[in-house]
């Protein structure tokens, strides 16, 4: 090109070819994946100490006179409940007839049992384009 204005008319561009680009997408299956679970069972021993509590009731004869009704009291693991009766004498008095002693007795015994526990694993199977199957 020249800068001369007389040559401007002489130089023209003529478009001969124009390229265009078209982009598209398509899905291609390269293989398939299957996931399944496998359950395994195992036996496990359970050992634990079991505690029990039972009540023993004992009647203890007292047969003595008292001035007032005694309160219920506790001595260690024993609860003592006084039982009184009124008796007629020349004068009225309280006589402790008996006490009921309630003992708590604790025992511990070993306990054993077999239990079945289940566990699952995931198995992944992949099929590729060539029909080959692989597991992961």
N, C-alpha and C. Protein backbone atom coordinates (compact mmCIF):
# COMPACT_ATOMS: atom_id res chain seq x y z
N UNK A 1 0.82 -1.18 0.00
CA UNK A 1 0.00 0.00 0.00
C UNK A 1 0.86 1.24 0.00
N UNK A 2 0.38 2.24 -0.66
CA UNK A 2 1.14 3.48 -0.65
C UNK A 2 0.30 4.54 -0.01
N UNK A 3 0.94 5.61 0.43
CA UNK A 3 0.24 6.69 1.10
C UNK A 3 -0.31 7.73 0.10
N UNK A 4 -0.09 7.52 -1.11
CA UNK A 4 -0.53 8.45 -2.14
C UNK A 4 -2.03 8.31 -2.33
N UNK A 5 -2.83 9.43 -2.24
CA UNK A 5 -4.28 9.34 -2.36
C UNK A 5 -4.73 8.87 -3.72
N UNK A 6 -3.97 8.99 -4.76
CA UNK A 6 -4.36 8.54 -6.07
C UNK A 6 -4.34 7.03 -6.15
N UNK A 7 -3.54 6.39 -5.34
CA UNK A 7 -3.44 4.93 -5.37
C UNK A 7 -4.48 4.25 -4.49
N UNK A 8 -5.21 5.00 -3.69
CA UNK A 8 -6.19 4.43 -2.78
C UNK A 8 -7.27 3.73 -3.55
N UNK A 9 -7.72 4.28 -4.65
CA UNK A 9 -8.75 3.67 -5.47
C UNK A 9 -8.26 2.40 -6.10
N UNK A 10 -7.01 2.30 -6.40
CA UNK A 10 -6.49 1.14 -7.08
C UNK A 10 -6.39 -0.05 -6.15
N UNK A 11 -6.19 0.14 -4.87
CA UNK A 11 -6.01 -0.96 -3.94
C UNK A 11 -7.32 -1.22 -3.22
N UNK A 12 -7.91 -2.36 -3.52
CA UNK A 12 -9.13 -2.80 -2.85
C UNK A 12 -8.93 -4.24 -2.42
N UNK A 13 -9.59 -4.60 -1.32
CA UNK A 13 -9.48 -6.00 -0.92
C UNK A 13 -10.79 -6.68 -1.27
N UNK A 14 -10.66 -7.87 -1.79
CA UNK A 14 -11.81 -8.67 -2.17
C UNK A 14 -11.79 -9.92 -1.30
N UNK A 15 -12.82 -10.10 -0.49
CA UNK A 15 -12.83 -11.30 0.34
C UNK A 15 -13.06 -12.54 -0.51
N UNK A 16 -12.17 -13.50 -0.40
CA UNK A 16 -12.28 -14.72 -1.19
C UNK A 16 -12.81 -15.89 -0.36
N UNK A 17 -12.40 -15.97 0.89
CA UNK A 17 -12.78 -17.12 1.72
C UNK A 17 -12.90 -16.66 3.18
N UNK A 18 -13.93 -17.18 3.87
CA UNK A 18 -14.10 -16.87 5.28
C UNK A 18 -14.36 -18.19 6.00
N UNK A 19 -13.59 -18.45 7.04
CA UNK A 19 -13.76 -19.68 7.82
C UNK A 19 -14.68 -19.40 8.99
N UNK A 20 -15.52 -20.39 9.30
CA UNK A 20 -16.38 -20.30 10.46
C UNK A 20 -16.17 -21.55 11.31
N UNK A 21 -16.31 -21.41 12.62
CA UNK A 21 -16.10 -22.52 13.54
C UNK A 21 -17.42 -22.86 14.21
N UNK A 22 -17.75 -24.15 14.23
CA UNK A 22 -18.96 -24.62 14.92
C UNK A 22 -18.53 -25.67 15.94
N UNK A 23 -18.93 -25.47 17.18
CA UNK A 23 -18.57 -26.39 18.26
C UNK A 23 -19.86 -27.02 18.79
N UNK A 24 -19.84 -28.34 18.95
CA UNK A 24 -20.99 -29.03 19.54
C UNK A 24 -20.48 -30.12 20.48
N UNK A 25 -21.39 -30.66 21.29
CA UNK A 25 -21.04 -31.70 22.24
C UNK A 25 -21.87 -32.93 21.97
N UNK A 26 -21.32 -34.09 22.33
CA UNK A 26 -22.08 -35.33 22.28
C UNK A 26 -21.57 -36.23 23.39
N UNK A 27 -22.45 -37.05 23.93
CA UNK A 27 -22.10 -37.97 25.00
C UNK A 27 -21.53 -39.25 24.41
N UNK A 28 -20.43 -39.70 24.99
CA UNK A 28 -19.82 -40.95 24.57
C UNK A 28 -19.69 -41.82 25.82
N UNK A 29 -20.23 -43.03 25.76
CA UNK A 29 -20.13 -43.96 26.88
C UNK A 29 -18.81 -44.70 26.76
N UNK A 30 -17.92 -44.46 27.74
CA UNK A 30 -16.61 -45.11 27.71
C UNK A 30 -16.63 -46.40 28.50
N UNK A 31 -17.63 -46.62 29.28
CA UNK A 31 -17.72 -47.84 30.09
C UNK A 31 -18.82 -47.66 31.11
N UNK A 32 -19.10 -48.71 31.84
CA UNK A 32 -20.15 -48.68 32.86
C UNK A 32 -19.56 -49.07 34.20
N UNK A 33 -20.15 -48.57 35.27
CA UNK A 33 -19.70 -48.90 36.62
C UNK A 33 -20.91 -49.43 37.38
N UNK A 34 -20.72 -50.59 38.04
CA UNK A 34 -21.75 -51.17 38.89
C UNK A 34 -21.23 -51.19 40.32
N UNK A 35 -22.05 -50.79 41.27
CA UNK A 35 -21.66 -50.82 42.67
C UNK A 35 -22.65 -51.73 43.40
N UNK A 36 -22.13 -52.70 44.12
CA UNK A 36 -22.97 -53.59 44.91
C UNK A 36 -22.31 -53.76 46.28
N UNK A 37 -23.08 -54.24 47.23
CA UNK A 37 -22.54 -54.44 48.57
C UNK A 37 -22.48 -55.93 48.88
N UNK A 38 -21.47 -56.28 49.64
CA UNK A 38 -21.30 -57.66 50.08
C UNK A 38 -21.32 -57.64 51.61
N UNK A 39 -22.15 -58.47 52.22
CA UNK A 39 -22.27 -58.51 53.68
C UNK A 39 -21.52 -59.73 54.21
N UNK A 40 -20.65 -59.47 55.17
CA UNK A 40 -19.90 -60.54 55.83
C UNK A 40 -20.42 -60.63 57.26
N UNK A 41 -20.50 -61.82 57.80
CA UNK A 41 -20.90 -62.01 59.19
C UNK A 41 -19.73 -62.58 59.97
N UNK A 42 -19.62 -62.13 61.20
CA UNK A 42 -18.59 -62.67 62.08
C UNK A 42 -19.20 -62.80 63.47
N UNK A 43 -18.70 -63.76 64.21
CA UNK A 43 -19.20 -64.00 65.56
C UNK A 43 -18.21 -63.38 66.54
N UNK A 44 -18.74 -62.68 67.50
CA UNK A 44 -17.89 -62.04 68.50
C UNK A 44 -18.41 -62.39 69.88
N UNK A 45 -17.50 -62.68 70.77
CA UNK A 45 -17.84 -63.05 72.15
C UNK A 45 -18.10 -61.78 72.94
N UNK A 46 -19.19 -61.73 73.68
CA UNK A 46 -19.51 -60.61 74.56
C UNK A 46 -19.38 -61.10 76.00
N UNK A 47 -18.54 -60.42 76.76
CA UNK A 47 -18.39 -60.77 78.17
C UNK A 47 -18.66 -59.52 79.00
N UNK A 48 -19.55 -59.64 79.96
CA UNK A 48 -19.91 -58.51 80.80
C UNK A 48 -20.33 -59.04 82.16
N UNK A 49 -20.11 -58.24 83.19
CA UNK A 49 -20.55 -58.61 84.52
C UNK A 49 -21.97 -58.08 84.71
N UNK A 50 -22.87 -58.96 85.14
CA UNK A 50 -24.25 -58.57 85.40
C UNK A 50 -24.45 -58.41 86.90
N UNK A 51 -25.10 -57.32 87.30
CA UNK A 51 -25.38 -57.09 88.71
C UNK A 51 -26.86 -57.33 88.97
N UNK A 52 -27.13 -57.93 90.10
CA UNK A 52 -28.51 -58.17 90.52
C UNK A 52 -28.65 -57.67 91.95
N UNK A 53 -29.86 -57.31 92.30
CA UNK A 53 -30.13 -56.91 93.67
C UNK A 53 -31.43 -57.58 94.09
N UNK A 54 -31.40 -58.23 95.24
CA UNK A 54 -32.60 -58.86 95.77
C UNK A 54 -32.78 -58.38 97.20
N UNK A 55 -33.96 -58.54 97.70
CA UNK A 55 -34.30 -58.07 99.04
C UNK A 55 -34.58 -59.28 99.94
N UNK A 56 -33.98 -59.28 101.11
CA UNK A 56 -34.25 -60.30 102.13
C UNK A 56 -34.96 -59.60 103.29
N UNK A 57 -36.07 -60.14 103.74
CA UNK A 57 -36.84 -59.56 104.85
C UNK A 57 -36.67 -60.46 106.07
N UNK A 58 -36.30 -59.84 107.18
CA UNK A 58 -36.08 -60.59 108.43
C UNK A 58 -36.88 -59.90 109.54
N UNK A 59 -37.65 -60.69 110.27
CA UNK A 59 -38.39 -60.16 111.42
C UNK A 59 -37.55 -60.44 112.68
N UNK A 60 -37.21 -59.37 113.40
CA UNK A 60 -36.39 -59.50 114.60
C UNK A 60 -37.27 -59.16 115.81
N UNK A 61 -37.54 -60.13 116.66
CA UNK A 61 -38.39 -59.91 117.86
C UNK A 61 -37.64 -59.03 118.85
N UNK A 62 -38.31 -57.98 119.36
CA UNK A 62 -37.68 -57.05 120.30
C UNK A 62 -38.34 -57.18 121.70
N UNK A 63 -39.63 -57.16 121.79
CA UNK A 63 -40.40 -57.35 123.02
C UNK A 63 -39.87 -56.52 124.19
N UNK A 64 -39.79 -55.20 124.00
CA UNK A 64 -39.41 -54.31 125.10
C UNK A 64 -40.25 -53.05 125.04
N UNK A 65 -40.38 -52.43 126.15
CA UNK A 65 -41.18 -51.21 126.24
C UNK A 65 -40.32 -50.00 125.89
N UNK A 66 -40.98 -49.07 125.22
CA UNK A 66 -40.27 -47.84 124.80
C UNK A 66 -41.13 -46.64 125.14
N UNK A 67 -40.54 -45.46 125.12
CA UNK A 67 -41.26 -44.24 125.47
C UNK A 67 -41.87 -43.53 124.25
N UNK A 68 -41.28 -43.70 123.05
CA UNK A 68 -41.78 -43.02 121.84
C UNK A 68 -41.58 -43.95 120.64
N UNK A 69 -42.34 -43.68 119.61
CA UNK A 69 -42.22 -44.49 118.38
C UNK A 69 -40.88 -44.17 117.72
N UNK A 70 -40.04 -45.18 117.51
CA UNK A 70 -38.75 -44.92 116.85
C UNK A 70 -38.94 -44.59 115.36
N UNK A 71 -38.02 -43.83 114.85
CA UNK A 71 -38.03 -43.49 113.42
C UNK A 71 -37.50 -44.67 112.60
N UNK A 72 -37.89 -44.69 111.33
CA UNK A 72 -37.30 -45.65 110.40
C UNK A 72 -35.84 -45.22 110.21
N UNK A 73 -34.92 -46.19 110.23
CA UNK A 73 -33.50 -45.84 110.12
C UNK A 73 -32.80 -46.81 109.18
N UNK A 74 -31.61 -46.42 108.78
CA UNK A 74 -30.79 -47.26 107.91
C UNK A 74 -29.46 -47.52 108.59
N UNK A 75 -29.03 -48.76 108.52
CA UNK A 75 -27.71 -49.15 109.03
C UNK A 75 -27.02 -49.88 107.89
N UNK A 76 -26.12 -49.20 107.19
CA UNK A 76 -25.45 -49.79 106.02
C UNK A 76 -26.46 -50.03 104.91
N UNK A 77 -26.55 -51.29 104.45
CA UNK A 77 -27.50 -51.67 103.41
C UNK A 77 -28.81 -52.18 103.99
N UNK A 78 -29.04 -51.97 105.26
CA UNK A 78 -30.24 -52.48 105.93
C UNK A 78 -31.14 -51.32 106.34
N UNK A 79 -32.41 -51.40 105.97
CA UNK A 79 -33.41 -50.44 106.41
C UNK A 79 -34.20 -51.09 107.55
N UNK A 80 -34.32 -50.38 108.65
CA UNK A 80 -35.00 -50.93 109.84
C UNK A 80 -36.30 -50.16 110.05
N UNK A 81 -37.41 -50.90 110.02
CA UNK A 81 -38.74 -50.32 110.21
C UNK A 81 -39.29 -50.84 111.54
N UNK A 82 -39.47 -49.98 112.53
CA UNK A 82 -40.00 -50.43 113.82
C UNK A 82 -41.51 -50.72 113.72
N UNK A 83 -41.94 -51.79 114.37
CA UNK A 83 -43.36 -52.14 114.45
C UNK A 83 -43.73 -52.07 115.94
N UNK A 84 -44.70 -51.21 116.25
CA UNK A 84 -45.08 -51.02 117.68
C UNK A 84 -46.54 -51.40 117.88
N UNK A 85 -46.85 -51.71 119.09
CA UNK A 85 -48.24 -51.95 119.45
C UNK A 85 -48.49 -51.31 120.80
N UNK A 86 -49.71 -50.90 120.99
CA UNK A 86 -50.09 -50.38 122.30
C UNK A 86 -50.62 -51.55 123.12
N UNK A 87 -50.17 -51.62 124.35
CA UNK A 87 -50.67 -52.66 125.26
C UNK A 87 -51.26 -51.97 126.48
N UNK A 88 -52.27 -52.57 127.03
CA UNK A 88 -52.93 -51.98 128.19
C UNK A 88 -52.32 -52.56 129.46
N UNK A 89 -51.79 -51.69 130.22
CA UNK A 89 -51.24 -52.03 131.52
C UNK A 89 -51.95 -51.06 132.47
N UNK A 90 -51.56 -51.00 133.65
CA UNK A 90 -52.16 -50.02 134.54
C UNK A 90 -51.96 -48.64 133.92
N UNK A 91 -50.93 -48.51 133.25
CA UNK A 91 -50.70 -47.31 132.45
C UNK A 91 -50.40 -47.74 131.02
N UNK A 92 -50.61 -46.85 130.13
CA UNK A 92 -50.37 -47.18 128.74
C UNK A 92 -48.92 -46.89 128.41
N UNK A 93 -48.24 -47.87 127.77
CA UNK A 93 -46.84 -47.72 127.36
C UNK A 93 -46.67 -48.30 125.96
N UNK A 94 -45.63 -47.87 125.35
CA UNK A 94 -45.28 -48.43 124.04
C UNK A 94 -44.29 -49.56 124.25
N UNK A 95 -44.56 -50.66 123.61
CA UNK A 95 -43.65 -51.79 123.67
C UNK A 95 -43.18 -52.06 122.25
N UNK A 96 -41.87 -52.11 122.05
CA UNK A 96 -41.31 -52.43 120.73
C UNK A 96 -41.50 -53.92 120.52
N UNK A 97 -42.40 -54.25 119.65
CA UNK A 97 -42.75 -55.65 119.43
C UNK A 97 -41.70 -56.33 118.56
N UNK A 98 -41.33 -55.70 117.47
CA UNK A 98 -40.32 -56.27 116.58
C UNK A 98 -39.79 -55.19 115.67
N UNK A 99 -38.71 -55.48 114.98
CA UNK A 99 -38.19 -54.63 113.92
C UNK A 99 -38.15 -55.47 112.66
N UNK A 100 -38.45 -54.87 111.57
CA UNK A 100 -38.32 -55.54 110.27
C UNK A 100 -37.03 -55.03 109.66
N UNK A 101 -36.09 -55.93 109.47
CA UNK A 101 -34.81 -55.58 108.86
C UNK A 101 -34.86 -55.99 107.39
N UNK A 102 -34.64 -55.06 106.52
CA UNK A 102 -34.62 -55.33 105.08
C UNK A 102 -33.18 -55.16 104.61
N UNK A 103 -32.58 -56.26 104.14
CA UNK A 103 -31.19 -56.26 103.70
C UNK A 103 -31.12 -56.20 102.18
N UNK A 104 -30.21 -55.42 101.67
CA UNK A 104 -29.93 -55.43 100.24
C UNK A 104 -28.72 -56.32 100.01
N UNK A 105 -28.87 -57.31 99.16
CA UNK A 105 -27.79 -58.24 98.86
C UNK A 105 -27.47 -58.12 97.38
N UNK A 106 -26.26 -57.71 97.06
CA UNK A 106 -25.85 -57.57 95.66
C UNK A 106 -24.96 -58.75 95.27
N UNK A 107 -25.23 -59.29 94.11
CA UNK A 107 -24.39 -60.36 93.58
C UNK A 107 -23.96 -59.97 92.18
N UNK A 108 -22.79 -60.42 91.79
CA UNK A 108 -22.28 -60.18 90.45
C UNK A 108 -21.92 -61.52 89.84
N UNK A 109 -22.44 -61.75 88.65
CA UNK A 109 -22.17 -63.02 87.97
C UNK A 109 -21.66 -62.72 86.57
N UNK A 110 -20.69 -63.50 86.08
CA UNK A 110 -20.21 -63.27 84.71
C UNK A 110 -21.28 -63.72 83.71
N UNK A 111 -21.35 -63.01 82.61
CA UNK A 111 -22.32 -63.31 81.56
C UNK A 111 -21.57 -63.39 80.24
N UNK A 112 -21.86 -64.39 79.46
CA UNK A 112 -21.18 -64.57 78.17
C UNK A 112 -22.22 -64.96 77.14
N UNK A 113 -22.12 -64.37 75.96
CA UNK A 113 -23.04 -64.69 74.86
C UNK A 113 -22.31 -64.43 73.55
N UNK A 114 -22.59 -65.24 72.56
CA UNK A 114 -22.04 -65.00 71.24
C UNK A 114 -23.07 -64.25 70.42
N UNK A 115 -22.62 -63.16 69.81
CA UNK A 115 -23.52 -62.36 68.98
C UNK A 115 -22.96 -62.31 67.56
N UNK A 116 -23.83 -62.18 66.57
CA UNK A 116 -23.42 -62.12 65.17
C UNK A 116 -23.42 -60.66 64.74
N UNK A 117 -22.28 -60.21 64.22
CA UNK A 117 -22.14 -58.85 63.73
C UNK A 117 -21.99 -58.89 62.21
N UNK A 118 -22.62 -57.94 61.51
CA UNK A 118 -22.54 -57.89 60.05
C UNK A 118 -21.70 -56.70 59.63
N UNK A 119 -21.00 -56.87 58.53
CA UNK A 119 -20.16 -55.81 58.00
C UNK A 119 -20.33 -55.81 56.49
N UNK A 120 -20.40 -54.63 55.86
CA UNK A 120 -20.60 -54.56 54.42
C UNK A 120 -19.39 -53.94 53.76
N UNK A 121 -19.05 -54.46 52.57
CA UNK A 121 -18.01 -53.89 51.72
C UNK A 121 -18.67 -53.48 50.41
N UNK A 122 -18.18 -52.42 49.76
CA UNK A 122 -18.69 -52.01 48.45
C UNK A 122 -17.81 -52.62 47.37
N UNK A 123 -18.41 -53.27 46.39
CA UNK A 123 -17.70 -53.86 45.27
C UNK A 123 -18.05 -53.04 44.04
N UNK A 124 -17.04 -52.43 43.39
CA UNK A 124 -17.26 -51.60 42.21
C UNK A 124 -16.76 -52.38 41.00
N UNK A 125 -17.63 -52.60 40.01
CA UNK A 125 -17.27 -53.32 38.79
C UNK A 125 -17.37 -52.36 37.62
N UNK A 126 -16.31 -52.26 36.83
CA UNK A 126 -16.28 -51.33 35.71
C UNK A 126 -16.17 -52.14 34.41
N UNK A 127 -17.07 -51.88 33.44
CA UNK A 127 -17.02 -52.49 32.11
C UNK A 127 -16.46 -51.44 31.15
N UNK A 128 -15.35 -51.74 30.48
CA UNK A 128 -14.80 -50.76 29.53
C UNK A 128 -15.36 -51.02 28.13
N UNK A 129 -14.91 -50.21 27.16
CA UNK A 129 -15.44 -50.28 25.79
C UNK A 129 -15.14 -51.62 25.12
N UNK A 130 -14.10 -52.29 25.52
CA UNK A 130 -13.71 -53.52 24.86
C UNK A 130 -14.42 -54.73 25.45
N UNK A 131 -15.37 -54.50 26.35
CA UNK A 131 -16.10 -55.61 26.93
C UNK A 131 -15.38 -56.27 28.08
N UNK A 132 -14.27 -55.70 28.52
CA UNK A 132 -13.49 -56.26 29.63
C UNK A 132 -14.12 -55.76 30.93
N UNK A 133 -14.18 -56.63 31.92
CA UNK A 133 -14.73 -56.27 33.24
C UNK A 133 -13.60 -56.24 34.25
N UNK A 134 -13.53 -55.16 35.02
CA UNK A 134 -12.51 -55.05 36.08
C UNK A 134 -13.23 -54.71 37.37
N UNK A 135 -12.68 -55.18 38.46
CA UNK A 135 -13.25 -54.89 39.79
C UNK A 135 -12.29 -54.01 40.55
N UNK A 136 -12.84 -53.13 41.37
CA UNK A 136 -12.02 -52.25 42.23
C UNK A 136 -12.32 -52.51 43.65
